[in-house]
Protein backbone atom coordinates (compact mmCIF):
# COMPACT_ATOMS: atom_id res chain seq x y z
CA VAL A 1 -19.49 9.85 -77.10
CA LEU A 2 -21.49 6.81 -78.20
CA TYR A 3 -24.86 7.96 -76.88
CA GLU A 4 -26.08 11.15 -75.27
CA LYS A 5 -29.35 12.69 -74.24
CA ASN A 6 -29.61 16.15 -72.67
CA SER A 7 -25.91 15.73 -71.90
CA ASP A 8 -25.31 19.47 -71.41
CA GLU A 9 -28.31 20.02 -69.14
CA ARG A 10 -27.35 21.18 -65.66
CA ASN A 11 -28.22 18.76 -62.88
CA TYR A 12 -27.32 18.30 -59.25
CA PRO A 13 -24.77 15.48 -58.98
CA ALA A 14 -25.25 14.36 -55.35
CA SER A 15 -22.53 11.91 -54.33
CA ILE A 16 -21.03 11.27 -57.76
CA THR A 17 -19.24 14.50 -56.73
CA LYS A 18 -16.96 12.23 -54.69
CA ILE A 19 -15.25 11.00 -57.87
CA MET A 20 -13.66 14.45 -58.20
CA THR A 21 -12.87 14.58 -54.48
CA THR A 22 -11.12 11.22 -54.65
CA LEU A 23 -9.19 12.08 -57.81
CA LEU A 24 -7.85 15.31 -56.29
CA ALA A 25 -6.89 13.53 -53.08
CA LEU A 26 -4.99 10.87 -55.02
CA GLU A 27 -3.17 13.53 -57.01
CA ASN A 28 -2.30 15.69 -54.00
CA SER A 29 -1.57 13.35 -51.10
CA ASP A 30 -0.04 9.99 -50.20
CA LEU A 31 -2.24 7.06 -49.21
CA ASN A 32 -0.43 6.63 -45.89
CA GLU A 33 -0.94 10.23 -44.72
CA VAL A 34 -2.96 10.47 -41.51
CA VAL A 35 -6.24 12.37 -41.75
CA THR A 36 -7.64 13.81 -38.51
CA PHE A 37 -11.37 14.47 -38.32
CA SER A 38 -12.12 18.05 -37.27
CA ASP A 39 -15.25 19.14 -35.43
CA ASP A 40 -16.45 20.68 -38.72
CA ALA A 41 -16.10 17.38 -40.58
CA ILE A 42 -18.50 15.80 -38.09
CA ASN A 43 -20.81 18.78 -37.50
CA ASN A 44 -21.17 20.06 -41.07
CA THR A 45 -22.15 16.79 -42.74
CA GLU A 46 -25.27 14.66 -42.66
CA GLY A 47 -26.69 11.77 -44.63
CA SER A 48 -24.49 8.84 -45.54
CA GLY A 49 -21.43 8.25 -43.39
CA ILE A 50 -19.55 5.78 -41.23
CA TYR A 51 -20.07 7.49 -37.85
CA ARG A 52 -16.62 8.90 -37.28
CA ASP A 53 -15.79 10.79 -34.10
CA TYR A 54 -14.18 14.11 -33.21
CA GLY A 55 -10.41 13.78 -33.50
CA GLU A 56 -10.58 10.36 -35.11
CA GLN A 57 -7.59 9.44 -37.23
CA MET A 58 -7.50 7.30 -40.36
CA THR A 59 -5.12 7.01 -43.28
CA MET A 60 -5.95 8.77 -46.52
CA GLU A 61 -6.37 5.34 -48.12
CA GLN A 62 -8.96 4.27 -45.53
CA CYS A 63 -10.79 7.57 -45.94
CA LEU A 64 -10.99 7.21 -49.72
CA TYR A 65 -12.40 3.68 -49.49
CA ALA A 66 -15.06 5.05 -47.12
CA VAL A 67 -15.76 7.91 -49.56
CA MET A 68 -16.08 5.71 -52.64
CA LEU A 69 -17.67 2.55 -51.22
CA ASN A 70 -19.91 3.91 -48.46
CA SER A 71 -20.28 7.47 -49.76
CA ALA A 72 -19.16 8.74 -46.34
CA ASN A 73 -19.80 12.49 -46.24
CA GLU A 74 -17.74 13.16 -43.10
CA CYS A 75 -14.79 11.36 -44.70
CA ALA A 76 -15.09 13.45 -47.88
CA TYR A 77 -15.10 16.61 -45.73
CA ALA A 78 -12.07 15.45 -43.72
CA VAL A 79 -10.20 14.56 -46.92
CA ALA A 80 -10.98 17.99 -48.37
CA GLU A 81 -9.69 19.76 -45.25
CA HIS A 82 -6.55 17.63 -45.22
CA VAL A 83 -5.71 18.10 -48.90
CA GLY A 84 -6.84 21.71 -49.31
CA GLY A 85 -5.97 23.12 -45.90
CA THR A 86 -9.54 24.37 -45.81
CA VAL A 87 -12.68 23.01 -47.45
CA GLU A 88 -13.04 26.32 -49.30
CA HIS A 89 -9.61 25.97 -50.86
CA PHE A 90 -10.29 22.36 -51.78
CA VAL A 91 -13.51 23.45 -53.54
CA ASP A 92 -11.44 25.96 -55.51
CA MET A 93 -9.16 23.06 -56.49
CA MET A 94 -12.21 21.08 -57.63
CA ASN A 95 -13.38 23.89 -59.88
CA GLU A 96 -9.89 24.46 -61.28
CA LYS A 97 -9.58 20.76 -62.07
CA ALA A 98 -13.01 20.73 -63.73
CA ALA A 99 -11.97 23.62 -65.98
CA GLU A 100 -8.67 21.91 -66.75
CA LEU A 101 -10.57 18.78 -67.85
CA GLY A 102 -12.72 20.79 -70.25
CA CYS A 103 -15.90 21.02 -68.16
CA THR A 104 -17.98 23.99 -69.32
CA ASN A 105 -21.12 23.73 -67.21
CA THR A 106 -19.89 22.65 -63.80
CA HIS A 107 -19.54 24.40 -60.46
CA PHE A 108 -18.70 22.62 -57.23
CA ALA A 109 -19.56 24.08 -53.83
CA ASN A 110 -18.56 21.20 -51.55
CA PRO A 111 -16.58 17.92 -51.60
CA HIS A 112 -19.46 15.52 -50.86
CA GLY A 113 -22.43 16.48 -53.03
CA LEU A 114 -24.99 17.39 -50.39
CA PHE A 115 -27.44 19.83 -51.92
CA ASP A 116 -26.30 23.36 -52.71
CA GLU A 117 -27.92 25.31 -55.54
CA ASN A 118 -24.44 26.41 -56.67
CA HIS A 119 -23.26 22.79 -56.89
CA TYR A 120 -24.10 21.44 -60.32
CA THR A 121 -22.69 19.66 -63.36
CA THR A 122 -23.84 17.93 -66.55
CA ALA A 123 -23.70 14.34 -67.73
CA HIS A 124 -21.08 15.35 -70.31
CA ASP A 125 -18.87 17.16 -67.80
CA MET A 126 -19.24 14.33 -65.30
CA ALA A 127 -18.11 11.87 -67.97
CA LEU A 128 -14.96 13.95 -68.49
CA ILE A 129 -14.25 13.91 -64.74
CA ALA A 130 -15.01 10.20 -64.49
CA LYS A 131 -12.73 9.42 -67.43
CA ALA A 132 -9.85 11.35 -65.86
CA ALA A 133 -10.33 9.53 -62.55
CA TYR A 134 -10.38 6.14 -64.25
CA GLN A 135 -6.97 6.81 -65.75
CA ASN A 136 -5.59 6.78 -62.20
CA GLU A 137 -4.64 3.22 -61.28
CA THR A 138 -5.31 3.63 -57.56
CA PHE A 139 -8.72 5.08 -58.30
CA ARG A 140 -9.53 2.05 -60.48
CA ILE A 141 -8.57 -0.28 -57.63
CA ILE A 142 -10.67 1.59 -55.07
CA THR A 143 -13.79 1.98 -57.22
CA GLY A 144 -13.66 -1.68 -58.23
CA THR A 145 -13.44 -2.99 -54.66
CA ALA A 146 -16.52 -4.81 -53.37
CA ARG A 147 -15.66 -4.88 -49.67
CA TYR A 148 -13.04 -3.22 -47.50
CA THR A 149 -12.32 -3.23 -43.77
CA ILE A 150 -11.00 -0.23 -41.86
CA PRO A 151 -9.01 -1.50 -38.87
CA PRO A 152 -9.62 -0.17 -35.35
CA THR A 153 -8.73 3.52 -34.89
CA ASN A 154 -7.94 5.79 -31.96
CA LYS A 155 -11.70 6.26 -31.51
CA HIS A 156 -13.15 2.92 -32.61
CA ASP A 157 -12.09 -0.36 -30.97
CA GLU A 158 -13.82 -2.46 -33.61
CA PRO A 159 -12.99 -2.66 -37.32
CA THR A 160 -15.41 -0.92 -39.72
CA ASP A 161 -16.64 -3.06 -42.60
CA LEU A 162 -17.47 -1.25 -45.84
CA GLN A 163 -19.58 -2.60 -48.69
CA ASN A 164 -19.71 -1.02 -52.12
CA HIS A 165 -23.15 0.55 -52.67
CA ASN A 166 -22.95 0.13 -56.44
CA GLU A 167 -25.51 -2.60 -57.19
CA MET A 168 -24.02 -3.17 -60.65
CA LEU A 169 -20.71 -4.18 -59.07
CA TYR A 170 -21.75 -5.71 -55.76
CA PRO A 171 -25.14 -6.97 -54.49
CA PHE A 172 -25.44 -4.40 -51.71
CA LYS A 173 -29.19 -4.94 -51.38
CA THR A 174 -30.10 -7.20 -54.31
CA LEU A 175 -28.43 -9.34 -56.97
CA LYS A 176 -30.79 -8.35 -59.73
CA TYR A 177 -28.86 -5.30 -61.02
CA ARG A 178 -25.40 -6.86 -61.02
CA TYR A 179 -23.64 -6.36 -64.37
CA GLU A 180 -20.86 -8.78 -65.17
CA TYR A 181 -18.73 -6.23 -67.04
CA CYS A 182 -18.95 -3.53 -64.35
CA THR A 183 -15.57 -2.46 -62.99
CA GLY A 184 -16.68 0.27 -60.58
CA GLY A 185 -18.48 3.58 -60.30
CA LYS A 186 -20.22 5.83 -57.82
CA THR A 187 -23.81 6.17 -56.68
CA GLY A 188 -25.60 9.36 -55.66
CA TYR A 189 -28.92 10.43 -54.23
CA THR A 190 -30.49 13.48 -52.63
CA ASP A 191 -34.16 14.46 -52.56
CA ILE A 192 -33.54 17.17 -55.15
CA ALA A 193 -30.87 15.48 -57.30
CA ARG A 194 -32.83 12.20 -57.29
CA SER A 195 -30.73 9.19 -58.27
CA THR A 196 -27.41 9.74 -60.05
CA LEU A 197 -24.91 7.10 -61.13
CA VAL A 198 -21.53 6.86 -62.78
CA THR A 199 -20.55 3.37 -63.88
CA TYR A 200 -17.45 1.91 -65.50
CA ALA A 201 -17.53 -1.26 -67.57
CA GLU A 202 -14.99 -3.18 -69.63
CA LYS A 203 -15.64 -5.82 -72.27
CA ASP A 204 -13.51 -7.17 -75.13
CA GLY A 205 -10.81 -4.55 -74.55
CA MET A 206 -13.27 -1.63 -74.59
CA SER A 207 -13.66 0.59 -71.51
CA LEU A 208 -16.81 2.68 -71.15
CA VAL A 209 -18.14 5.18 -68.66
CA CYS A 210 -21.88 5.79 -68.30
CA VAL A 211 -23.39 8.79 -66.49
CA VAL A 212 -27.06 8.87 -65.52
CA MET A 213 -28.54 11.85 -63.66
CA HIS A 214 -31.87 12.93 -62.17
CA THR A 215 -33.67 9.63 -62.52
CA GLU A 216 -35.93 7.54 -60.31
CA SER A 217 -34.67 4.30 -58.81
CA PRO A 218 -34.21 1.61 -60.08
CA ASN A 219 -33.77 3.30 -63.49
CA GLN A 220 -30.18 4.29 -62.70
CA TRP A 221 -29.29 0.57 -62.81
CA THR A 222 -31.51 -0.56 -65.66
CA ASP A 223 -30.77 2.43 -67.90
CA SER A 224 -27.03 2.06 -67.35
CA ARG A 225 -27.19 -1.62 -68.25
CA ASN A 226 -29.18 -0.88 -71.40
CA LEU A 227 -26.75 1.86 -72.41
CA PHE A 228 -23.76 -0.43 -71.88
CA ASP A 229 -25.35 -3.26 -73.84
CA TYR A 230 -26.11 -0.86 -76.68
CA ALA A 231 -22.63 0.66 -76.70
CA PHE A 232 -20.75 -2.65 -76.47
């Protein structure tokens, strides 16, 4: 650890949760498996998504791009059901994996990060999870992708274009936070969690992960840049 501040303080992660969801999916399924969206996946999620329909089918790969680039909650739920059999079992898998990675102050309650008072982690634990994910080559490819297109499905005649919401990697809304050494990451926001951000960067053969939690936008971008510049 090159810099830390309140790194063992419990915070709500919001959608940086999806790093764990994606890692578990990559470890426990094949990218070409077909994921079918249940009624629960549609009905039990809100917030960010890509407007999937009841009974819609996508490959695991397409789902994970939607999870990581667009922070699609219904896709995270569908992935969890597919991999775990039930969302509850998948959540158990998340907590087992967290313990295996050495997390000491983390408890997951869902696969997407929507608010639950029993769904929390710390910057330190999140860094451990993010590091483990980054060691997976497919994860590195997905998180570092700026744009991705999901082809037409059984429920959507038109392709679905995804854009990475990480402003340090891709100018989703503005160019001003782009960071030339950024190789990926995951954004998060809920009213209670505030802004959260995990970012990966590589420079001169050094790979770093930065975790920022419970901050006010645009500090998640500017603080992460300052931390990277300091560490490099």
